C-alpha atoms as a PDB file:
ATOM      1  CA  MET A   1      24.629  10.843  39.719  1.00  0.00           C
ATOM      2  CA  LEU A   2      21.674  13.039  40.698  1.00  0.00           C
ATOM      3  CA  GLU A   3      22.615  15.546  37.999  1.00  0.00           C
ATOM      4  CA  GLN A   4      22.622  12.761  35.374  1.00  0.00           C
ATOM      5  CA  VAL A   5      19.132  11.628  36.427  1.00  0.00           C
ATOM      6  CA  GLU A   6      17.822  15.206  36.299  1.00  0.00           C
ATOM      7  CA  GLN A   7      19.380  15.702  32.862  1.00  0.00           C
ATOM      8  CA  LYS A   8      17.785  12.458  31.599  1.00  0.00           C
ATOM      9  CA  ASN A   9      14.357  13.496  32.933  1.00  0.00           C
ATOM     10  CA  GLN A  10      14.748  16.883  31.269  1.00  0.00           C
ATOM     11  CA  GLU A  11      15.608  15.217  27.965  1.00  0.00           C
ATOM     12  CA  GLN A  12      12.515  12.978  28.130  1.00  0.00           C
ATOM     13  CA  LYS A  13      10.124  15.772  29.151  1.00  0.00           C
ATOM     14  CA  LYS A  14       7.687  16.884  26.454  1.00  0.00           C
ATOM     15  CA  PRO A  15       8.508  20.372  25.063  1.00  0.00           C
ATOM     16  CA  GLN A  16       6.012  23.043  26.137  1.00  0.00           C
ATOM     17  CA  LYS A  17       5.443  24.257  22.589  1.00  0.00           C
ATOM     18  CA  PHE A  18       5.502  22.708  19.107  1.00  0.00           C
ATOM     19  CA  ASN A  19       6.868  25.138  16.489  1.00  0.00           C
ATOM     20  CA  VAL A  20       5.335  24.199  13.128  1.00  0.00           C
ATOM     21  CA  PHE A  21       7.007  26.712  10.788  1.00  0.00           C
ATOM     22  CA  PRO A  22      10.663  25.704  11.317  1.00  0.00           C
ATOM     23  CA  LYS A  23       9.632  22.041  10.963  1.00  0.00           C
ATOM     24  CA  ILE A  24       8.057  22.848   7.591  1.00  0.00           C
ATOM     25  CA  ILE A  25      11.311  24.495   6.449  1.00  0.00           C
ATOM     26  CA  ASN A  26      13.296  21.485   7.672  1.00  0.00           C
ATOM     27  CA  GLY A  27      11.021  19.098   5.777  1.00  0.00           C
ATOM     28  CA  GLY A  28      11.201  21.108   2.557  1.00  0.00           C
ATOM     29  CA  VAL A  29      15.010  21.363   2.629  1.00  0.00           C
ATOM     30  CA  ALA A  30      15.297  17.664   3.477  1.00  0.00           C
ATOM     31  CA  GLY A  31      13.029  16.695   0.599  1.00  0.00           C
ATOM     32  CA  ILE A  32      14.820  18.775  -2.034  1.00  0.00           C
ATOM     33  CA  ILE A  33      18.264  17.454  -1.092  1.00  0.00           C
ATOM     34  CA  GLY A  34      17.032  13.877  -0.834  1.00  0.00           C
ATOM     35  CA  VAL A  35      15.224  13.758  -4.171  1.00  0.00           C
ATOM     36  CA  ALA A  36      18.079  15.460  -6.029  1.00  0.00           C
ATOM     37  CA  CYS A  37      20.352  12.621  -4.876  1.00  0.00           C
ATOM     38  CA  VAL A  38      18.145   9.649  -5.723  1.00  0.00           C
ATOM     39  CA  TYR A  39      15.930  10.755  -8.647  1.00  0.00           C
ATOM     40  CA  PRO A  40      17.720   8.712 -11.375  1.00  0.00           C
ATOM     41  CA  LEU A  41      17.056   5.542  -9.373  1.00  0.00           C
ATOM     42  CA  ASP A  42      13.401   6.525  -9.072  1.00  0.00           C
ATOM     43  CA  MET A  43      13.241   6.927 -12.840  1.00  0.00           C
ATOM     44  CA  VAL A  44      14.600   3.405 -13.345  1.00  0.00           C
ATOM     45  CA  LYS A  45      12.132   2.001 -10.785  1.00  0.00           C
ATOM     46  CA  THR A  46       9.162   3.504 -12.625  1.00  0.00           C
ATOM     47  CA  ARG A  47      10.249   2.175 -16.006  1.00  0.00           C
ATOM     48  CA  LEU A  48      10.950  -1.309 -14.687  1.00  0.00           C
ATOM     49  CA  GLN A  49       7.563  -1.462 -12.955  1.00  0.00           C
ATOM     50  CA  ASN A  50       5.596  -0.195 -15.934  1.00  0.00           C
ATOM     51  CA  GLN A  51       7.234  -2.121 -18.789  1.00  0.00           C
ATOM     52  CA  THR A  52       5.073  -4.771 -20.420  1.00  0.00           C
ATOM     53  CA  ILE A  53       6.205  -8.292 -21.290  1.00  0.00           C
ATOM     54  CA  GLY A  54       5.884  -9.320 -24.949  1.00  0.00           C
ATOM     55  CA  PRO A  55       4.159 -12.529 -26.146  1.00  0.00           C
ATOM     56  CA  ASN A  56       7.505 -14.341 -26.196  1.00  0.00           C
ATOM     57  CA  GLY A  57       8.666 -12.949 -22.857  1.00  0.00           C
ATOM     58  CA  GLU A  58      10.706 -10.135 -24.396  1.00  0.00           C
ATOM     59  CA  ARG A  59      11.391  -7.081 -22.237  1.00  0.00           C
ATOM     60  CA  MET A  60      12.642  -3.602 -23.038  1.00  0.00           C
ATOM     61  CA  TYR A  61      14.813  -3.634 -19.898  1.00  0.00           C
ATOM     62  CA  THR A  62      16.344  -6.771 -18.417  1.00  0.00           C
ATOM     63  CA  SER A  63      17.767  -5.264 -15.213  1.00  0.00           C
ATOM     64  CA  ILE A  64      18.434  -2.064 -13.289  1.00  0.00           C
ATOM     65  CA  ALA A  65      21.818  -1.652 -14.983  1.00  0.00           C
ATOM     66  CA  ASP A  66      20.309  -2.327 -18.415  1.00  0.00           C
ATOM     67  CA  CYS A  67      17.652   0.350 -17.840  1.00  0.00           C
ATOM     68  CA  PHE A  68      20.321   2.856 -16.786  1.00  0.00           C
ATOM     69  CA  ARG A  69      22.444   2.044 -19.842  1.00  0.00           C
ATOM     70  CA  LYS A  70      19.607   2.221 -22.390  1.00  0.00           C
ATOM     71  CA  THR A  71      18.122   5.404 -20.912  1.00  0.00           C
ATOM     72  CA  ILE A  72      21.445   7.256 -20.956  1.00  0.00           C
ATOM     73  CA  ALA A  73      22.197   5.978 -24.493  1.00  0.00           C
ATOM     74  CA  SER A  74      18.784   7.060 -25.766  1.00  0.00           C
ATOM     75  CA  GLU A  75      18.164  10.278 -23.842  1.00  0.00           C
ATOM     76  CA  GLY A  76      21.531  11.344 -22.467  1.00  0.00           C
ATOM     77  CA  TYR A  77      22.521  11.786 -18.836  1.00  0.00           C
ATOM     78  CA  PHE A  78      19.901  14.470 -18.199  1.00  0.00           C
ATOM     79  CA  GLY A  79      17.274  12.046 -19.443  1.00  0.00           C
ATOM     80  CA  MET A  80      17.694  10.407 -16.049  1.00  0.00           C
ATOM     81  CA  TYR A  81      16.127  13.570 -14.577  1.00  0.00           C
ATOM     82  CA  ARG A  82      13.058  13.617 -16.847  1.00  0.00           C
ATOM     83  CA  GLY A  83      10.132  14.886 -14.762  1.00  0.00           C
ATOM     84  CA  SER A  84      12.410  15.903 -11.911  1.00  0.00           C
ATOM     85  CA  ALA A  85      11.345  19.553 -12.047  1.00  0.00           C
ATOM     86  CA  VAL A  86       7.802  18.543 -11.077  1.00  0.00           C
ATOM     87  CA  ASN A  87       9.120  16.265  -8.371  1.00  0.00           C
ATOM     88  CA  ILE A  88      11.516  18.838  -6.898  1.00  0.00           C
ATOM     89  CA  VAL A  89       8.828  21.557  -6.914  1.00  0.00           C
ATOM     90  CA  LEU A  90       6.233  19.300  -5.255  1.00  0.00           C
ATOM     91  CA  ILE A  91       8.595  17.337  -3.007  1.00  0.00           C
ATOM     92  CA  THR A  92       9.057  20.464  -0.893  1.00  0.00           C
ATOM     93  CA  PRO A  93       5.460  20.598   0.414  1.00  0.00           C
ATOM     94  CA  GLU A  94       5.184  16.771   0.331  1.00  0.00           C
ATOM     95  CA  LYS A  95       8.146  16.135   2.636  1.00  0.00           C
ATOM     96  CA  ALA A  96       7.298  19.222   4.686  1.00  0.00           C
ATOM     97  CA  ILE A  97       3.794  17.868   5.297  1.00  0.00           C
ATOM     98  CA  LYS A  98       4.890  14.276   5.914  1.00  0.00           C
ATOM     99  CA  LEU A  99       7.730  14.934   8.366  1.00  0.00           C
ATOM    100  CA  THR A 100       6.048  17.846  10.137  1.00  0.00           C
ATOM    101  CA  ALA A 101       2.688  16.067  10.429  1.00  0.00           C
ATOM    102  CA  ASN A 102       4.331  13.024  11.998  1.00  0.00           C
ATOM    103  CA  ASP A 103       6.146  15.205  14.552  1.00  0.00           C
ATOM    104  CA  PHE A 104       2.937  17.184  15.192  1.00  0.00           C
ATOM    105  CA  PHE A 105       0.799  14.117  15.850  1.00  0.00           C
ATOM    106  CA  ARG A 106       3.527  12.437  17.922  1.00  0.00           C
ATOM    107  CA  TYR A 107       3.742  15.592  20.042  1.00  0.00           C
ATOM    108  CA  HIS A 108      -0.010  15.671  20.716  1.00  0.00           C
ATOM    109  CA  LEU A 109      -0.359  11.906  21.205  1.00  0.00           C
ATOM    110  CA  ALA A 110       2.595  11.642  23.624  1.00  0.00           C
ATOM    111  CA  SER A 111       2.225  11.791  27.383  1.00  0.00           C
ATOM    112  CA  ASP A 112       3.433  14.801  29.382  1.00  0.00           C
ATOM    113  CA  ASP A 113       6.755  13.096  30.054  1.00  0.00           C
ATOM    114  CA  GLY A 114       7.383  12.691  26.313  1.00  0.00           C
ATOM    115  CA  VAL A 115       6.615   8.967  26.077  1.00  0.00           C
ATOM    116  CA  ILE A 116       4.548   7.687  23.150  1.00  0.00           C
ATOM    117  CA  PRO A 117       3.452   4.018  22.983  1.00  0.00           C
ATOM    118  CA  LEU A 118       3.815   2.015  19.758  1.00  0.00           C
ATOM    119  CA  SER A 119       0.083   2.119  18.992  1.00  0.00           C
ATOM    120  CA  ARG A 120       0.026   5.927  19.107  1.00  0.00           C
ATOM    121  CA  ALA A 121       3.298   6.224  17.207  1.00  0.00           C
ATOM    122  CA  THR A 122       1.772   4.048  14.464  1.00  0.00           C
ATOM    123  CA  LEU A 123      -1.369   6.200  14.454  1.00  0.00           C
ATOM    124  CA  ALA A 124       0.743   9.365  14.148  1.00  0.00           C
ATOM    125  CA  GLY A 125       2.594   7.881  11.177  1.00  0.00           C
ATOM    126  CA  GLY A 126      -0.645   6.818   9.494  1.00  0.00           C
ATOM    127  CA  LEU A 127      -2.151  10.300   9.903  1.00  0.00           C
ATOM    128  CA  ALA A 128       1.014  11.845   8.433  1.00  0.00           C
ATOM    129  CA  GLY A 129       0.687   9.516   5.423  1.00  0.00           C
ATOM    130  CA  LEU A 130      -2.991  10.463   5.043  1.00  0.00           C
ATOM    131  CA  PHE A 131      -2.215  14.193   5.047  1.00  0.00           C
ATOM    132  CA  GLN A 132       0.594  13.901   2.500  1.00  0.00           C
ATOM    133  CA  ILE A 133      -1.491  12.296  -0.298  1.00  0.00           C
ATOM    134  CA  VAL A 134      -3.038  15.700  -1.013  1.00  0.00           C
ATOM    135  CA  VAL A 135       0.309  16.628  -2.572  1.00  0.00           C
ATOM    136  CA  THR A 136       1.733  13.167  -3.299  1.00  0.00           C
ATOM    137  CA  THR A 137      -0.991  12.002  -5.709  1.00  0.00           C
ATOM    138  CA  PRO A 138      -0.688  14.765  -8.354  1.00  0.00           C
ATOM    139  CA  MET A 139       3.096  14.821  -7.904  1.00  0.00           C
ATOM    140  CA  GLU A 140       3.392  11.073  -8.488  1.00  0.00           C
ATOM    141  CA  LEU A 141       0.947  11.148 -11.407  1.00  0.00           C
ATOM    142  CA  LEU A 142       2.868  13.840 -13.278  1.00  0.00           C
ATOM    143  CA  LYS A 143       6.261  12.354 -12.374  1.00  0.00           C
ATOM    144  CA  ILE A 144       5.339   8.845 -13.512  1.00  0.00           C
ATOM    145  CA  GLN A 145       3.791   9.955 -16.784  1.00  0.00           C
ATOM    146  CA  MET A 146       6.819  12.130 -17.534  1.00  0.00           C
ATOM    147  CA  GLN A 147       9.190   9.283 -16.676  1.00  0.00           C
ATOM    148  CA  ASP A 148       7.248   6.742 -18.715  1.00  0.00           C
ATOM    149  CA  ALA A 149       7.083   9.139 -21.669  1.00  0.00           C
ATOM    150  CA  GLY A 150      10.815   8.570 -22.172  1.00  0.00           C
ATOM    151  CA  ARG A 151      10.280   4.803 -22.419  1.00  0.00           C
ATOM    152  CA  VAL A 152       7.474   5.270 -24.965  1.00  0.00           C
ATOM    153  CA  ALA A 153       9.539   7.799 -26.940  1.00  0.00           C
ATOM    154  CA  ALA A 154      12.483   5.387 -27.089  1.00  0.00           C
ATOM    155  CA  ALA A 155      10.231   2.626 -28.407  1.00  0.00           C
ATOM    156  CA  ASP A 156       8.704   4.966 -31.020  1.00  0.00           C
ATOM    157  CA  ARG A 157      12.157   6.146 -32.082  1.00  0.00           C
ATOM    158  CA  ALA A 158      13.365   2.568 -32.503  1.00  0.00           C
ATOM    159  CA  ALA A 159      10.285   1.727 -34.580  1.00  0.00           C
ATOM    160  CA  GLY A 160      10.722   4.817 -36.771  1.00  0.00           C
ATOM    161  CA  ARG A 161       7.523   6.446 -35.538  1.00  0.00           C
ATOM    162  CA  GLU A 162       7.032  10.130 -34.777  1.00  0.00           C
ATOM    163  CA  VAL A 163       8.179  11.040 -31.273  1.00  0.00           C
ATOM    164  CA  LYS A 164       5.868  13.400 -29.394  1.00  0.00           C
ATOM    165  CA  THR A 165       7.365  15.899 -26.965  1.00  0.00           C
ATOM    166  CA  ILE A 166       5.688  15.940 -23.558  1.00  0.00           C
ATOM    167  CA  THR A 167       6.253  18.593 -20.912  1.00  0.00           C
ATOM    168  CA  ALA A 168       5.048  18.678 -17.327  1.00  0.00           C
ATOM    169  CA  LEU A 169       3.132  21.912 -17.955  1.00  0.00           C
ATOM    170  CA  GLY A 170       1.543  20.528 -21.116  1.00  0.00           C
ATOM    171  CA  LEU A 171       0.583  17.314 -19.351  1.00  0.00           C
ATOM    172  CA  THR A 172      -0.934  19.244 -16.443  1.00  0.00           C
ATOM    173  CA  LYS A 173      -3.005  21.415 -18.827  1.00  0.00           C
ATOM    174  CA  THR A 174      -4.216  18.336 -20.706  1.00  0.00           C
ATOM    175  CA  LEU A 175      -5.294  16.558 -17.524  1.00  0.00           C
ATOM    176  CA  LEU A 176      -7.071  19.655 -16.213  1.00  0.00           C
ATOM    177  CA  ARG A 177      -8.804  20.253 -19.547  1.00  0.00           C
ATOM    178  CA  GLU A 178      -9.939  16.648 -20.046  1.00  0.00           C
ATOM    179  CA  ARG A 179     -10.665  15.541 -16.471  1.00  0.00           C
ATOM    180  CA  GLY A 180     -10.726  18.664 -14.318  1.00  0.00           C
ATOM    181  CA  ILE A 181      -8.893  19.017 -11.021  1.00  0.00           C
ATOM    182  CA  PHE A 182      -9.784  15.435 -10.077  1.00  0.00           C
ATOM    183  CA  GLY A 183      -7.804  14.258 -13.100  1.00  0.00           C
ATOM    184  CA  LEU A 184      -4.690  15.015 -11.076  1.00  0.00           C
ATOM    185  CA  TYR A 185      -5.901  12.602  -8.396  1.00  0.00           C
ATOM    186  CA  LYS A 186      -6.049   9.486 -10.541  1.00  0.00           C
ATOM    187  CA  GLY A 187      -4.898   6.561  -8.412  1.00  0.00           C
ATOM    188  CA  VAL A 188      -5.506   8.413  -5.138  1.00  0.00           C
ATOM    189  CA  GLY A 189      -6.860   5.248  -3.495  1.00  0.00           C
ATOM    190  CA  ALA A 190      -3.754   3.205  -4.326  1.00  0.00           C
ATOM    191  CA  THR A 191      -1.512   6.130  -3.363  1.00  0.00           C
ATOM    192  CA  GLY A 192      -3.284   6.402  -0.019  1.00  0.00           C
ATOM    193  CA  VAL A 193      -2.949   2.688   0.735  1.00  0.00           C
ATOM    194  CA  ARG A 194       0.763   2.808  -0.091  1.00  0.00           C
ATOM    195  CA  ASP A 195       1.636   6.031   1.739  1.00  0.00           C
ATOM    196  CA  ILE A 196      -0.415   5.409   4.877  1.00  0.00           C
ATOM    197  CA  THR A 197       0.927   1.854   5.238  1.00  0.00           C
ATOM    198  CA  PHE A 198       4.485   3.044   4.580  1.00  0.00           C
ATOM    199  CA  SER A 199       4.246   5.787   7.201  1.00  0.00           C
ATOM    200  CA  MET A 200       2.710   3.457   9.798  1.00  0.00           C
ATOM    201  CA  VAL A 201       5.769   1.221   9.480  1.00  0.00           C
ATOM    202  CA  TYR A 202       8.485   3.784   8.774  1.00  0.00           C
ATOM    203  CA  PHE A 203       8.037   6.428  11.471  1.00  0.00           C
ATOM    204  CA  PRO A 204       7.729   4.190  14.570  1.00  0.00           C
ATOM    205  CA  LEU A 205      10.618   2.020  13.341  1.00  0.00           C
ATOM    206  CA  MET A 206      12.799   5.035  12.546  1.00  0.00           C
ATOM    207  CA  ALA A 207      12.103   6.590  15.959  1.00  0.00           C
ATOM    208  CA  TRP A 208      12.971   3.329  17.742  1.00  0.00           C
ATOM    209  CA  ILE A 209      16.243   2.813  15.829  1.00  0.00           C
ATOM    210  CA  ASN A 210      17.147   6.484  16.273  1.00  0.00           C
ATOM    211  CA  ASP A 211      16.669   6.162  20.048  1.00  0.00           C
ATOM    212  CA  GLN A 212      19.116   3.235  20.211  1.00  0.00           C
ATOM    213  CA  GLY A 213      22.116   5.140  18.848  1.00  0.00           C
ATOM    214  CA  PRO A 214      24.790   7.372  20.393  1.00  0.00           C
ATOM    215  CA  ARG A 215      23.754  10.836  21.591  1.00  0.00           C
ATOM    216  CA  LYS A 216      25.287  14.232  20.891  1.00  0.00           C
ATOM    217  CA  SER A 217      27.680  15.560  23.508  1.00  0.00           C
ATOM    218  CA  ASP A 218      25.848  18.904  23.820  1.00  0.00           C
ATOM    219  CA  GLY A 219      23.290  17.495  26.265  1.00  0.00           C
ATOM    220  CA  SER A 220      20.379  17.880  23.822  1.00  0.00           C
ATOM    221  CA  GLY A 221      19.595  14.168  23.959  1.00  0.00           C
ATOM    222  CA  GLU A 222      19.501  13.967  20.148  1.00  0.00           C
ATOM    223  CA  ALA A 223      21.171  11.224  18.157  1.00  0.00           C
ATOM    224  CA  VAL A 224      24.399  12.062  16.320  1.00  0.00           C
ATOM    225  CA  PHE A 225      23.761  12.977  12.694  1.00  0.00           C
ATOM    226  CA  TYR A 226      25.180   9.806  11.148  1.00  0.00           C
ATOM    227  CA  TRP A 227      22.940   7.653  13.345  1.00  0.00           C
ATOM    228  CA  SER A 228      19.868   9.524  12.076  1.00  0.00           C
ATOM    229  CA  LEU A 229      21.081   8.708   8.556  1.00  0.00           C
ATOM    230  CA  ILE A 230      21.408   5.013   9.484  1.00  0.00           C
ATOM    231  CA  ALA A 231      17.967   5.028  11.148  1.00  0.00           C
ATOM    232  CA  GLY A 232      16.385   6.534   8.042  1.00  0.00           C
ATOM    233  CA  LEU A 233      18.211   4.086   5.744  1.00  0.00           C
ATOM    234  CA  LEU A 234      17.181   0.956   7.675  1.00  0.00           C
ATOM    235  CA  SER A 235      13.594   2.098   8.247  1.00  0.00           C
ATOM    236  CA  GLY A 236      13.185   3.254   4.641  1.00  0.00           C
ATOM    237  CA  MET A 237      14.560  -0.054   3.362  1.00  0.00           C
ATOM    238  CA  THR A 238      12.163  -2.125   5.478  1.00  0.00           C
ATOM    239  CA  SER A 239       9.085   0.000   4.774  1.00  0.00           C
ATOM    240  CA  ALA A 240       9.805   0.243   1.042  1.00  0.00           C
ATOM    241  CA  PHE A 241      10.005  -3.536   0.656  1.00  0.00           C
ATOM    242  CA  MET A 242       6.773  -4.095   2.593  1.00  0.00           C
ATOM    243  CA  VAL A 243       4.696  -1.735   0.435  1.00  0.00           C
ATOM    244  CA  THR A 244       6.235  -2.536  -2.983  1.00  0.00           C
ATOM    245  CA  PRO A 245       3.078  -4.404  -4.177  1.00  0.00           C
ATOM    246  CA  PHE A 246       0.993  -1.295  -3.422  1.00  0.00           C
ATOM    247  CA  ASP A 247       3.514   0.855  -5.297  1.00  0.00           C
ATOM    248  CA  VAL A 248       3.372  -1.390  -8.388  1.00  0.00           C
ATOM    249  CA  VAL A 249      -0.433  -1.117  -8.481  1.00  0.00           C
ATOM    250  CA  LYS A 250      -0.313   2.664  -7.977  1.00  0.00           C
ATOM    251  CA  THR A 251       2.321   3.104 -10.685  1.00  0.00           C
ATOM    252  CA  ARG A 252       0.331   1.092 -13.227  1.00  0.00           C
ATOM    253  CA  LEU A 253      -2.889   2.952 -12.476  1.00  0.00           C
ATOM    254  CA  GLN A 254      -1.188   6.321 -12.903  1.00  0.00           C
ATOM    255  CA  ALA A 255       1.053   5.508 -15.882  1.00  0.00           C
ATOM    256  CA  ASP A 256      -1.827   5.503 -18.389  1.00  0.00           C
ATOM    257  CA  GLY A 257       0.224   3.259 -20.704  1.00  0.00           C
ATOM    258  CA  GLU A 258      -0.709   0.376 -22.977  1.00  0.00           C
ATOM    259  CA  LYS A 259      -2.879  -1.345 -20.366  1.00  0.00           C
ATOM    260  CA  LYS A 260      -6.008   0.354 -19.050  1.00  0.00           C
ATOM    261  CA  PHE A 261      -7.232  -0.598 -15.592  1.00  0.00           C
ATOM    262  CA  LYS A 262     -10.666   0.120 -14.138  1.00  0.00           C
ATOM    263  CA  GLY A 263      -9.424   0.369 -10.570  1.00  0.00           C
ATOM    264  CA  ILE A 264      -7.260  -1.158  -7.877  1.00  0.00           C
ATOM    265  CA  MET A 265      -8.857  -4.621  -7.876  1.00  0.00           C
ATOM    266  CA  ASP A 266      -8.905  -4.799 -11.694  1.00  0.00           C
ATOM    267  CA  CYS A 267      -5.193  -3.969 -11.730  1.00  0.00           C
ATOM    268  CA  VAL A 268      -4.436  -6.549  -9.009  1.00  0.00           C
ATOM    269  CA  ASN A 269      -6.482  -9.319 -10.669  1.00  0.00           C
ATOM    270  CA  ARG A 270      -5.168  -8.757 -14.205  1.00  0.00           C
ATOM    271  CA  THR A 271      -1.562  -8.410 -13.097  1.00  0.00           C
ATOM    272  CA  LEU A 272      -1.816 -11.597 -11.040  1.00  0.00           C
ATOM    273  CA  LYS A 273      -3.475 -13.503 -13.893  1.00  0.00           C
ATOM    274  CA  GLU A 274      -1.199 -12.295 -16.697  1.00  0.00           C
ATOM    275  CA  GLU A 275       2.181 -11.985 -14.936  1.00  0.00           C
ATOM    276  CA  GLY A 276       1.984 -13.866 -11.641  1.00  0.00           C
ATOM    277  CA  ILE A 277       2.764 -12.840  -8.069  1.00  0.00           C
ATOM    278  CA  SER A 278       6.337 -11.838  -8.921  1.00  0.00           C
ATOM    279  CA  ALA A 279       5.024  -8.865 -10.927  1.00  0.00           C
ATOM    280  CA  PHE A 280       4.016  -7.165  -7.678  1.00  0.00           C
ATOM    281  CA  PHE A 281       7.674  -6.952  -6.725  1.00  0.00           C
ATOM    282  CA  LYS A 282       8.886  -5.494 -10.042  1.00  0.00           C
ATOM    283  CA  GLY A 283      11.363  -2.743  -9.326  1.00  0.00           C
ATOM    284  CA  GLY A 284      11.343  -3.753  -5.650  1.00  0.00           C
ATOM    285  CA  LEU A 285      15.122  -3.700  -5.297  1.00  0.00           C
ATOM    286  CA  CYS A 286      15.267  -0.390  -7.121  1.00  0.00           C
ATOM    287  CA  ARG A 287      12.520   1.004  -4.893  1.00  0.00           C
ATOM    288  CA  ILE A 288      14.540   0.039  -1.818  1.00  0.00           C
ATOM    289  CA  MET A 289      17.601   1.632  -3.414  1.00  0.00           C
ATOM    290  CA  VAL A 290      15.547   4.821  -3.920  1.00  0.00           C
ATOM    291  CA  LEU A 291      13.693   5.146  -0.632  1.00  0.00           C
ATOM    292  CA  ALA A 292      16.392   3.965   1.767  1.00  0.00           C
ATOM    293  CA  PRO A 293      18.861   6.751   0.854  1.00  0.00           C
ATOM    294  CA  LEU A 294      16.043   9.251   0.220  1.00  0.00           C
ATOM    295  CA  PHE A 295      14.663   8.918   3.736  1.00  0.00           C
ATOM    296  CA  GLY A 296      18.099   8.486   5.277  1.00  0.00           C
ATOM    297  CA  ILE A 297      19.312  11.739   3.728  1.00  0.00           C
ATOM    298  CA  ALA A 298      16.012  13.546   4.322  1.00  0.00           C
ATOM    299  CA  GLN A 299      15.795  12.442   7.955  1.00  0.00           C
ATOM    300  CA  MET A 300      19.380  13.483   8.632  1.00  0.00           C
ATOM    301  CA  PHE A 301      18.864  16.982   7.182  1.00  0.00           C
ATOM    302  CA  TYR A 302      15.483  17.297   8.913  1.00  0.00           C
ATOM    303  CA  PHE A 303      17.109  16.724  12.289  1.00  0.00           C
ATOM    304  CA  LEU A 304      19.874  19.252  11.562  1.00  0.00           C
ATOM    305  CA  GLY A 305      17.359  22.011  12.270  1.00  0.00           C
ATOM    306  CA  VAL A 306      17.998  24.375   9.346  1.00  0.00           C
ATOM    307  CA  GLY A 307      14.607  26.026   9.909  1.00  0.00           C
ATOM    308  CA  GLU A 308      15.353  26.855  13.535  1.00  0.00           C
ATOM    309  CA  LYS A 309      18.752  28.309  12.570  1.00  0.00           C
ATOM    310  CA  ILE A 310      17.196  30.484   9.848  1.00  0.00           C
ATOM    311  CA  LEU A 311      14.449  31.761  12.161  1.00  0.00           C
ATOM    312  CA  GLY A 312      16.709  32.053  15.204  1.00  0.00           C
ATOM    313  CA  ILE A 313      14.514  29.708  17.255  1.00  0.00           C
ATOM    314  CA  GLU A 314      15.893  27.408  19.905  1.00  0.00           C
ATOM    315  CA  ARG A 315      15.681  23.775  18.850  1.00  0.00           C
ATOM    316  CA  THR A 316      13.766  21.259  20.946  1.00  0.00           C
ATOM    317  CA  LYS A 317      14.145  17.487  20.833  1.00  0.00           C
ATOM    318  CA  SER A 318      11.355  15.719  18.909  1.00  0.00           C
ATOM    319  CA  VAL A 319       9.129  13.327  20.844  1.00  0.00           C
END
């Protein structure tokens, strides 16, 4: 009995040192694997959110399945991965920053015995979301414009118009030439609101669910891998639904499509006036279908500790 109590106290005790580098590797690996699995769903989400409704209520896509079918028919299977190169390249530092920053701030905000109250856990998540927008904003901008280019190309092809070829490199050069480096940060305000709010909900909820599950038999005190997957799925699902309105606004600001918005409030007011409150939940189901498995998979691989194994460092339980 005494040995069990000592083991429990040892598990709860805050590690003496926080190793940043292996956490960064873990986050990068987790991000690459996660986005490779769910990118086609993300493509569908973007196109559903950014499509405009015609004067008679006509839509290019009527559902998630319809968007999948029309995209594959028009652009082939690999059309579902349009813009993925940008996302995969930038998702590495994005997920590395997000997951590592949350662990870093949780470590420094926790007490010496490894306990972190909800208020501080929420603060740690919010700070992680704030740090990640440095990478997230240009990544999302390029990804969304590449994804939406396929929708525009399909419409031009159907109307018999000339179809322009757009590449991520070409788009980046155009934005830098016309707007400078800040051109890559269009929609940074909306991105910040979405990512900070998401992280403030996701990370404390994920940590709580993860703590409720079965532990590994090696005495590390960590949850078994499948429970980390479940924790990421449930937390990602909840957080994604809560911030969908912010994501719709961000997507429309960054898409640079038929409608031009002056800012966040202009986008909110015009969308509400022209399409109603339901427009803020366009692609909501698809967003949940994207982020739930993305964070479930990413969280599971993050906790596997690939970075520590590569560097030969002993793993310590996260706070």
